[in-house]
Amino acid sequence: MSTQTYRVHGMTCGGCVRHVEKALRGAPGVETAAVDLAAGIATVTGTAAFEGLAARVAHAGYRLERTA
């Protein structure tokens, strides 16, 4: 199990945070997911692949990007 940090684009409020967290937590292989609106990042622990997470977040109306 690993912890990854991703940039999230398109969030403007607490409701956005809840939508992104719900999308991430529903992905197979995700143990925990936390989103920080001010920093614009999501921290995900588990074995889920980036592509699957990005697709779920895109379906929720936001964009997930790998951090450097």
N, C-alpha and C. Protein backbone atom coordinates (compact mmCIF):
# COMPACT_ATOMS: atom_id res chain seq x y z
N MET A 1 0.85 -1.17 0.00
CA MET A 1 0.00 0.00 0.00
C MET A 1 0.90 1.23 0.00
N SER A 2 0.49 2.24 -0.80
CA SER A 2 1.28 3.46 -0.87
C SER A 2 0.38 4.68 -0.73
N THR A 3 1.01 5.81 -0.47
CA THR A 3 0.30 7.08 -0.39
C THR A 3 0.78 7.96 -1.53
N GLN A 4 -0.18 8.49 -2.29
CA GLN A 4 0.12 9.36 -3.42
C GLN A 4 -0.59 10.69 -3.24
N THR A 5 0.01 11.75 -3.75
CA THR A 5 -0.60 13.08 -3.72
C THR A 5 -0.82 13.54 -5.15
N TYR A 6 -2.01 14.06 -5.41
CA TYR A 6 -2.39 14.53 -6.75
C TYR A 6 -2.93 15.94 -6.67
N ARG A 7 -2.75 16.70 -7.73
CA ARG A 7 -3.35 18.03 -7.82
C ARG A 7 -4.76 17.86 -8.36
N VAL A 8 -5.71 18.62 -7.80
CA VAL A 8 -7.10 18.58 -8.24
C VAL A 8 -7.46 19.94 -8.81
N HIS A 9 -7.98 19.96 -10.04
CA HIS A 9 -8.37 21.21 -10.70
C HIS A 9 -9.89 21.32 -10.74
N GLY A 10 -10.38 22.53 -10.54
CA GLY A 10 -11.81 22.80 -10.68
C GLY A 10 -12.58 22.93 -9.38
N MET A 11 -11.92 22.75 -8.25
CA MET A 11 -12.62 22.86 -6.96
C MET A 11 -12.71 24.32 -6.54
N THR A 12 -13.90 24.70 -6.02
CA THR A 12 -14.09 26.08 -5.56
C THR A 12 -14.70 26.18 -4.17
N CYS A 13 -15.17 25.05 -3.61
CA CYS A 13 -15.87 25.12 -2.33
C CYS A 13 -15.83 23.78 -1.60
N GLY A 14 -16.40 23.77 -0.41
CA GLY A 14 -16.44 22.55 0.38
C GLY A 14 -17.24 21.45 -0.29
N GLY A 15 -18.27 21.84 -1.03
CA GLY A 15 -19.05 20.84 -1.76
C GLY A 15 -18.20 20.12 -2.79
N CYS A 16 -17.32 20.85 -3.44
CA CYS A 16 -16.40 20.26 -4.41
C CYS A 16 -15.51 19.22 -3.71
N VAL A 17 -15.01 19.58 -2.55
CA VAL A 17 -14.16 18.67 -1.78
C VAL A 17 -14.91 17.37 -1.51
N ARG A 18 -16.15 17.48 -1.06
CA ARG A 18 -16.95 16.28 -0.77
C ARG A 18 -17.16 15.42 -2.02
N HIS A 19 -17.41 16.05 -3.16
CA HIS A 19 -17.61 15.30 -4.41
C HIS A 19 -16.34 14.55 -4.81
N VAL A 20 -15.21 15.23 -4.73
CA VAL A 20 -13.94 14.59 -5.11
C VAL A 20 -13.60 13.47 -4.13
N GLU A 21 -13.75 13.71 -2.84
CA GLU A 21 -13.46 12.66 -1.85
C GLU A 21 -14.36 11.45 -2.07
N LYS A 22 -15.63 11.68 -2.33
CA LYS A 22 -16.56 10.57 -2.57
C LYS A 22 -16.13 9.78 -3.81
N ALA A 23 -15.75 10.48 -4.86
CA ALA A 23 -15.30 9.80 -6.08
C ALA A 23 -14.06 8.96 -5.81
N LEU A 24 -13.10 9.52 -5.09
CA LEU A 24 -11.86 8.79 -4.80
C LEU A 24 -12.11 7.61 -3.87
N ARG A 25 -12.88 7.82 -2.83
CA ARG A 25 -13.12 6.75 -1.84
C ARG A 25 -13.90 5.58 -2.44
N GLY A 26 -14.65 5.83 -3.49
CA GLY A 26 -15.41 4.77 -4.13
C GLY A 26 -14.61 3.92 -5.10
N ALA A 27 -13.37 4.31 -5.35
CA ALA A 27 -12.53 3.58 -6.30
C ALA A 27 -11.98 2.31 -5.67
N PRO A 28 -11.96 1.22 -6.41
CA PRO A 28 -11.37 -0.01 -5.90
C PRO A 28 -9.90 0.21 -5.54
N GLY A 29 -9.50 -0.28 -4.40
CA GLY A 29 -8.10 -0.18 -3.97
C GLY A 29 -7.79 1.04 -3.13
N VAL A 30 -8.74 1.94 -2.92
CA VAL A 30 -8.50 3.13 -2.11
C VAL A 30 -8.83 2.81 -0.65
N GLU A 31 -7.85 3.01 0.21
CA GLU A 31 -8.04 2.82 1.64
C GLU A 31 -8.52 4.11 2.29
N THR A 32 -7.83 5.23 1.97
CA THR A 32 -8.21 6.54 2.49
C THR A 32 -8.03 7.58 1.39
N ALA A 33 -8.81 8.64 1.47
CA ALA A 33 -8.67 9.76 0.54
C ALA A 33 -9.05 11.03 1.29
N ALA A 34 -8.20 12.04 1.18
CA ALA A 34 -8.45 13.33 1.82
C ALA A 34 -8.11 14.43 0.81
N VAL A 35 -8.97 15.44 0.75
CA VAL A 35 -8.78 16.53 -0.20
C VAL A 35 -8.63 17.84 0.57
N ASP A 36 -7.66 18.64 0.17
CA ASP A 36 -7.39 19.95 0.78
C ASP A 36 -7.73 21.02 -0.26
N LEU A 37 -8.82 21.74 -0.02
CA LEU A 37 -9.27 22.76 -0.97
C LEU A 37 -8.24 23.87 -1.15
N ALA A 38 -7.72 24.39 -0.05
CA ALA A 38 -6.78 25.52 -0.11
C ALA A 38 -5.53 25.17 -0.90
N ALA A 39 -5.03 23.96 -0.72
CA ALA A 39 -3.81 23.54 -1.43
C ALA A 39 -4.13 22.96 -2.80
N GLY A 40 -5.39 22.57 -3.02
CA GLY A 40 -5.78 21.98 -4.29
C GLY A 40 -5.21 20.60 -4.51
N ILE A 41 -5.08 19.83 -3.41
CA ILE A 41 -4.49 18.50 -3.55
C ILE A 41 -5.37 17.42 -2.93
N ALA A 42 -5.16 16.23 -3.42
CA ALA A 42 -5.81 15.04 -2.87
C ALA A 42 -4.71 14.08 -2.46
N THR A 43 -4.84 13.50 -1.29
CA THR A 43 -3.90 12.50 -0.81
C THR A 43 -4.65 11.18 -0.71
N VAL A 44 -4.15 10.18 -1.42
CA VAL A 44 -4.83 8.88 -1.52
C VAL A 44 -3.89 7.78 -1.04
N THR A 45 -4.39 6.93 -0.17
CA THR A 45 -3.64 5.76 0.30
C THR A 45 -4.33 4.52 -0.22
N GLY A 46 -3.54 3.60 -0.75
CA GLY A 46 -4.08 2.34 -1.25
C GLY A 46 -3.32 1.85 -2.46
N THR A 47 -3.99 1.01 -3.23
CA THR A 47 -3.34 0.39 -4.39
C THR A 47 -3.99 0.79 -5.71
N ALA A 48 -4.91 1.75 -5.70
CA ALA A 48 -5.61 2.15 -6.92
C ALA A 48 -4.66 2.82 -7.90
N ALA A 49 -4.87 2.53 -9.19
CA ALA A 49 -4.06 3.13 -10.25
C ALA A 49 -4.54 4.55 -10.55
N PHE A 50 -3.61 5.41 -10.93
CA PHE A 50 -3.93 6.81 -11.23
C PHE A 50 -5.03 6.92 -12.29
N GLU A 51 -4.96 6.13 -13.33
CA GLU A 51 -5.90 6.23 -14.43
C GLU A 51 -7.34 6.03 -13.95
N GLY A 52 -7.55 5.06 -13.08
CA GLY A 52 -8.88 4.82 -12.54
C GLY A 52 -9.36 5.96 -11.66
N LEU A 53 -8.46 6.49 -10.85
CA LEU A 53 -8.81 7.62 -9.99
C LEU A 53 -9.15 8.85 -10.83
N ALA A 54 -8.33 9.11 -11.84
CA ALA A 54 -8.56 10.27 -12.71
C ALA A 54 -9.90 10.17 -13.43
N ALA A 55 -10.26 8.96 -13.85
CA ALA A 55 -11.54 8.77 -14.54
C ALA A 55 -12.70 9.05 -13.61
N ARG A 56 -12.62 8.58 -12.38
CA ARG A 56 -13.69 8.80 -11.41
C ARG A 56 -13.82 10.29 -11.08
N VAL A 57 -12.71 10.96 -10.90
CA VAL A 57 -12.73 12.39 -10.59
C VAL A 57 -13.27 13.18 -11.79
N ALA A 58 -12.89 12.79 -13.00
CA ALA A 58 -13.40 13.46 -14.20
C ALA A 58 -14.91 13.28 -14.31
N HIS A 59 -15.38 12.10 -13.97
CA HIS A 59 -16.83 11.84 -14.01
C HIS A 59 -17.57 12.74 -13.01
N ALA A 60 -16.90 13.10 -11.93
CA ALA A 60 -17.49 14.00 -10.91
C ALA A 60 -17.39 15.47 -11.33
N GLY A 61 -16.65 15.75 -12.42
CA GLY A 61 -16.57 17.12 -12.93
C GLY A 61 -15.30 17.87 -12.62
N TYR A 62 -14.27 17.15 -12.21
CA TYR A 62 -13.00 17.78 -11.85
C TYR A 62 -11.86 17.09 -12.60
N ARG A 63 -10.64 17.60 -12.45
CA ARG A 63 -9.51 17.00 -13.14
C ARG A 63 -8.41 16.68 -12.14
N LEU A 64 -7.92 15.45 -12.20
CA LEU A 64 -6.85 15.00 -11.33
C LEU A 64 -5.55 14.98 -12.13
N GLU A 65 -4.47 15.45 -11.51
CA GLU A 65 -3.18 15.52 -12.18
C GLU A 65 -2.10 14.98 -11.25
N ARG A 66 -1.20 14.23 -11.82
CA ARG A 66 -0.06 13.75 -11.02
C ARG A 66 0.81 14.93 -10.62
N THR A 67 1.36 14.88 -9.42
CA THR A 67 2.29 15.91 -8.98
C THR A 67 3.70 15.45 -9.33
N ALA A 68 4.60 16.40 -9.44
CA ALA A 68 5.99 16.08 -9.81
C ALA A 68 6.71 15.38 -8.70
